[in-house]
Amino acid sequence: MIEEKIDKKIIFVDCFNTVIIRNKKNKEILRSWAEILGQKYNIPWQDIYKGYKKLNFNLCFKKIFTKLVLQEHFEVVLEKLHQKLQKKYNELPKTDFMQSAKEIYIGQEMNSHMANMDIVNLLTREKKNGKKIYLVSDFYCPKEFLRNWLSHLQIADLFDDIFSSCDFDKEKSTTKLYRHLLKTFEINPNDVIMLGDNGWSDVLMAKMCKIKAKKITFRG
């Protein structure tokens, strides 16, 4: 953990395994989501779980070659999943299905989260020192989902804004999200430090954009 005072005006910080720690694997969260959603609509959970994973894989595979993006937006996959299920199960209202699926997923993720208090305490200290703090995540769920989870942990007020890669179709892992944020908000990279757990996306790619970067390791 970073003990010394941060000498930059702006802090970019990763979300998962940095600010938020999950106590379940992604596939466990997705399965519990599918089980609850299946019960609601009387659909075998396997059709939802396997359908989502297959559609997500196919969509992501295409994006790797067209946009150098490794993840697809949750709601895009969800819409394709509804179309697939609608052919097999009649009377599956799209609006209700989409809303329920999002709410259930938000809840299942939320139940697996805990705050990394080392980084929360660091960010709290730096916020009091007048720093601007932005959550910058390579993730398949949009900003509104992330804000829900941060609010549940009572740490949303730490962040001046939240940037999720799926909202931009650009990722940290290719430097594109960093470059987009620097250009859009007219930020000098010399004023920024990036904090995160991933040596590639959070450290090396940030440094490729002339952003100072530090790797964060969870000590729990």
Protein backbone atom coordinates (compact mmCIF):
# COMPACT_ATOMS: atom_id res chain seq x y z
CA MET A 1 0.00 0.00 0.00
CA ILE A 2 1.10 3.56 -0.66
CA GLU A 3 2.15 5.21 2.58
CA GLU A 4 3.71 8.39 1.24
CA LYS A 5 1.64 11.40 0.25
CA ILE A 6 0.51 11.32 -3.36
CA ASP A 7 2.06 14.21 -5.27
CA LYS A 8 -0.48 14.31 -8.14
CA LYS A 9 -3.63 16.43 -8.45
CA ILE A 10 -5.73 13.65 -9.97
CA ILE A 11 -6.11 10.02 -8.96
CA PHE A 12 -7.39 7.35 -11.34
CA VAL A 13 -8.22 4.16 -9.44
CA ASP A 14 -9.33 0.71 -10.55
CA CYS A 15 -12.50 -0.86 -9.17
CA PHE A 16 -12.34 -4.63 -8.67
CA ASN A 17 -9.52 -6.09 -6.59
CA THR A 18 -8.55 -2.51 -5.78
CA VAL A 19 -11.47 -0.55 -4.30
CA ILE A 20 -14.00 -3.41 -4.26
CA ILE A 21 -13.06 -6.96 -3.33
CA ARG A 22 -15.31 -9.83 -4.40
CA ASN A 23 -15.70 -12.89 -2.17
CA LYS A 24 -17.17 -14.91 -5.05
CA LYS A 25 -15.90 -15.71 -8.52
CA ASN A 26 -17.61 -14.16 -11.52
CA LYS A 27 -19.07 -17.51 -12.64
CA GLU A 28 -20.62 -18.03 -9.18
CA ILE A 29 -22.30 -14.63 -9.31
CA LEU A 30 -23.54 -15.28 -12.85
CA ARG A 31 -24.95 -18.67 -11.85
CA SER A 32 -26.85 -17.32 -8.84
CA TRP A 33 -28.19 -14.53 -11.08
CA ALA A 34 -29.38 -17.10 -13.62
CA GLU A 35 -31.01 -19.23 -10.93
CA ILE A 36 -33.04 -16.34 -9.50
CA LEU A 37 -33.97 -15.00 -12.92
CA GLY A 38 -34.99 -18.49 -14.03
CA GLN A 39 -37.24 -18.93 -11.01
CA LYS A 40 -38.96 -15.63 -11.73
CA TYR A 41 -39.83 -16.55 -15.33
CA ASN A 42 -40.07 -20.33 -14.93
CA ILE A 43 -37.10 -20.91 -17.22
CA PRO A 44 -34.36 -23.49 -16.48
CA TRP A 45 -31.42 -21.58 -15.06
CA GLN A 46 -29.05 -23.49 -17.34
CA ASP A 47 -30.71 -21.94 -20.42
CA ILE A 48 -30.05 -18.48 -19.02
CA TYR A 49 -26.52 -19.18 -17.74
CA LYS A 50 -25.25 -21.05 -20.80
CA GLY A 51 -27.13 -18.76 -23.18
CA TYR A 52 -25.56 -15.66 -21.66
CA LYS A 53 -22.06 -17.12 -21.66
CA LYS A 54 -22.27 -18.32 -25.28
CA LEU A 55 -23.66 -15.02 -26.55
CA ASN A 56 -21.08 -13.06 -24.58
CA PHE A 57 -18.24 -15.17 -25.96
CA ASN A 58 -19.42 -14.74 -29.55
CA LEU A 59 -19.92 -10.98 -29.22
CA CYS A 60 -16.56 -10.50 -27.49
CA PHE A 61 -14.79 -12.60 -30.11
CA LYS A 62 -16.04 -10.26 -32.84
CA LYS A 63 -15.05 -7.16 -30.87
CA ILE A 64 -11.48 -8.31 -30.38
CA PHE A 65 -10.90 -8.05 -34.14
CA THR A 66 -13.07 -5.02 -34.91
CA LYS A 67 -12.39 -2.71 -31.95
CA LEU A 68 -9.65 -4.38 -29.87
CA VAL A 69 -12.20 -4.57 -27.04
CA LEU A 70 -12.23 -7.67 -24.83
CA GLN A 71 -15.64 -7.27 -23.17
CA GLU A 72 -19.22 -6.64 -24.30
CA HIS A 73 -21.70 -4.40 -22.50
CA PHE A 74 -23.90 -6.41 -20.10
CA GLU A 75 -27.10 -4.92 -21.49
CA VAL A 76 -26.15 -5.69 -25.09
CA VAL A 77 -25.69 -9.37 -24.20
CA LEU A 78 -28.87 -9.28 -22.14
CA GLU A 79 -30.90 -8.01 -25.07
CA LYS A 80 -29.54 -10.79 -27.29
CA LEU A 81 -30.34 -13.29 -24.52
CA HIS A 82 -33.95 -12.10 -24.37
CA GLN A 83 -34.28 -12.57 -28.13
CA LYS A 84 -32.92 -16.11 -27.83
CA LEU A 85 -35.17 -17.07 -24.92
CA GLN A 86 -38.24 -15.46 -26.51
CA LYS A 87 -38.05 -17.95 -29.37
CA LYS A 88 -38.21 -20.87 -26.94
CA TYR A 89 -40.39 -19.46 -24.17
CA ASN A 90 -43.47 -17.46 -25.16
CA GLU A 91 -44.74 -14.35 -23.39
CA LEU A 92 -41.40 -13.12 -22.08
CA PRO A 93 -41.93 -9.34 -21.93
CA LYS A 94 -38.73 -7.56 -22.92
CA THR A 95 -38.97 -4.47 -20.69
CA ASP A 96 -39.83 -6.46 -17.58
CA PHE A 97 -37.19 -9.12 -18.32
CA MET A 98 -34.43 -6.57 -18.93
CA GLN A 99 -35.23 -4.59 -15.80
CA SER A 100 -35.52 -7.66 -13.59
CA ALA A 101 -32.30 -9.13 -14.98
CA LYS A 102 -30.40 -5.90 -14.23
CA GLU A 103 -31.82 -5.54 -10.72
CA ILE A 104 -31.08 -9.17 -9.84
CA TYR A 105 -27.54 -8.93 -11.18
CA ILE A 106 -26.85 -5.72 -9.25
CA GLY A 107 -28.09 -7.45 -6.09
CA GLN A 108 -26.07 -10.62 -6.59
CA GLU A 109 -22.88 -8.66 -7.22
CA MET A 110 -23.62 -6.45 -4.23
CA ASN A 111 -23.88 -9.49 -1.93
CA SER A 112 -20.34 -10.52 -2.85
CA HIS A 113 -18.64 -7.16 -2.24
CA MET A 114 -16.50 -5.71 0.49
CA ALA A 115 -14.50 -2.51 0.50
CA ASN A 116 -10.70 -2.61 0.53
CA MET A 117 -10.27 -0.37 3.54
CA ASP A 118 -6.56 0.20 2.89
CA ILE A 119 -7.32 1.93 -0.40
CA VAL A 120 -10.51 3.55 0.94
CA ASN A 121 -8.53 5.14 3.77
CA LEU A 122 -5.87 6.31 1.33
CA LEU A 123 -8.48 7.86 -0.99
CA THR A 124 -10.26 9.47 1.97
CA ARG A 125 -6.99 11.08 3.04
CA GLU A 126 -6.25 12.34 -0.46
CA LYS A 127 -9.82 13.60 -0.94
CA LYS A 128 -9.38 15.76 2.16
CA ASN A 129 -6.21 17.10 0.56
CA GLY A 130 -8.25 18.35 -2.38
CA LYS A 131 -7.45 15.65 -4.92
CA LYS A 132 -9.84 14.75 -7.75
CA ILE A 133 -10.56 11.00 -7.72
CA TYR A 134 -11.97 9.04 -10.65
CA LEU A 135 -12.89 5.36 -10.75
CA VAL A 136 -11.58 3.93 -14.05
CA SER A 137 -12.58 0.32 -14.68
CA ASP A 138 -12.36 -2.21 -17.50
CA PHE A 139 -15.74 -3.80 -16.84
CA TYR A 140 -18.81 -5.06 -18.71
CA CYS A 141 -21.35 -3.26 -16.53
CA PRO A 142 -22.16 0.46 -16.89
CA LYS A 143 -21.49 3.39 -14.61
CA GLU A 144 -24.93 3.18 -12.97
CA PHE A 145 -24.18 -0.38 -11.75
CA LEU A 146 -20.82 0.64 -10.31
CA ARG A 147 -22.36 3.61 -8.54
CA ASN A 148 -24.96 1.32 -6.94
CA TRP A 149 -22.23 -0.91 -5.54
CA LEU A 150 -20.13 1.98 -4.27
CA SER A 151 -23.21 3.52 -2.63
CA HIS A 152 -23.99 0.22 -0.91
CA LEU A 153 -20.48 0.26 0.56
CA GLN A 154 -20.98 3.93 1.51
CA ILE A 155 -17.96 5.11 -0.45
CA ALA A 156 -19.56 6.64 -3.58
CA ASP A 157 -18.86 10.19 -2.35
CA LEU A 158 -15.12 9.55 -2.66
CA PHE A 159 -15.34 9.67 -6.44
CA ASP A 160 -15.76 12.74 -8.62
CA ASP A 161 -16.87 10.51 -11.48
CA ILE A 162 -16.97 6.89 -12.61
CA PHE A 163 -15.73 5.61 -15.97
CA SER A 164 -16.52 2.06 -17.07
CA SER A 165 -14.97 0.76 -20.29
CA CYS A 166 -18.27 -0.66 -21.57
CA ASP A 167 -19.78 2.85 -21.70
CA PHE A 168 -17.07 3.97 -24.13
CA ASP A 169 -16.14 0.80 -26.04
CA LYS A 170 -12.57 1.59 -25.04
CA GLU A 171 -10.41 -0.19 -22.48
CA LYS A 172 -7.41 0.51 -20.27
CA SER A 173 -5.85 -2.73 -21.54
CA THR A 174 -5.20 -1.11 -24.93
CA THR A 175 -4.55 2.44 -23.55
CA LYS A 176 -7.64 3.68 -25.44
CA LEU A 177 -9.70 4.47 -22.34
CA TYR A 178 -6.83 6.43 -20.77
CA ARG A 179 -6.24 8.38 -23.95
CA HIS A 180 -9.95 9.12 -24.33
CA LEU A 181 -10.26 10.46 -20.78
CA LEU A 182 -7.10 12.57 -21.03
CA LYS A 183 -8.25 14.11 -24.31
CA THR A 184 -11.96 14.55 -23.46
CA PHE A 185 -11.36 16.20 -20.10
CA GLU A 186 -8.18 18.00 -21.18
CA ILE A 187 -6.13 16.36 -18.43
CA ASN A 188 -2.35 16.63 -18.40
CA PRO A 189 -1.02 13.08 -17.77
CA ASN A 190 1.70 14.59 -15.59
CA ASP A 191 -1.06 15.53 -13.13
CA VAL A 192 -2.35 11.94 -12.80
CA ILE A 193 -1.50 8.78 -10.88
CA MET A 194 -3.21 5.45 -11.62
CA LEU A 195 -3.73 2.94 -8.79
CA GLY A 196 -4.75 -0.64 -9.54
CA ASP A 197 -4.04 -4.33 -9.11
CA ASN A 198 -3.41 -5.28 -12.75
CA GLY A 199 0.19 -5.00 -13.84
CA TRP A 200 -0.77 -4.70 -17.50
CA SER A 201 -3.93 -2.55 -17.61
CA ASP A 202 -3.37 -0.44 -14.51
CA VAL A 203 0.38 -0.04 -14.56
CA LEU A 204 2.08 -0.67 -17.92
CA MET A 205 -0.70 0.75 -20.11
CA ALA A 206 -1.04 3.81 -17.86
CA LYS A 207 2.70 4.40 -18.13
CA MET A 208 2.41 4.09 -21.92
CA CYS A 209 0.17 7.16 -21.68
CA LYS A 210 2.76 8.98 -19.53
CA ILE A 211 0.64 8.49 -16.40
CA LYS A 212 2.43 7.61 -13.18
CA ALA A 213 1.16 4.25 -11.90
CA LYS A 214 1.36 2.16 -8.73
CA LYS A 215 0.31 -1.46 -8.31
CA ILE A 216 -2.05 -2.11 -5.40
CA THR A 217 -2.03 -5.44 -3.58
CA PHE A 218 -4.93 -6.45 -1.33
CA ARG A 219 -3.65 -7.56 2.08
CA GLY A 220 -6.87 -9.08 3.47
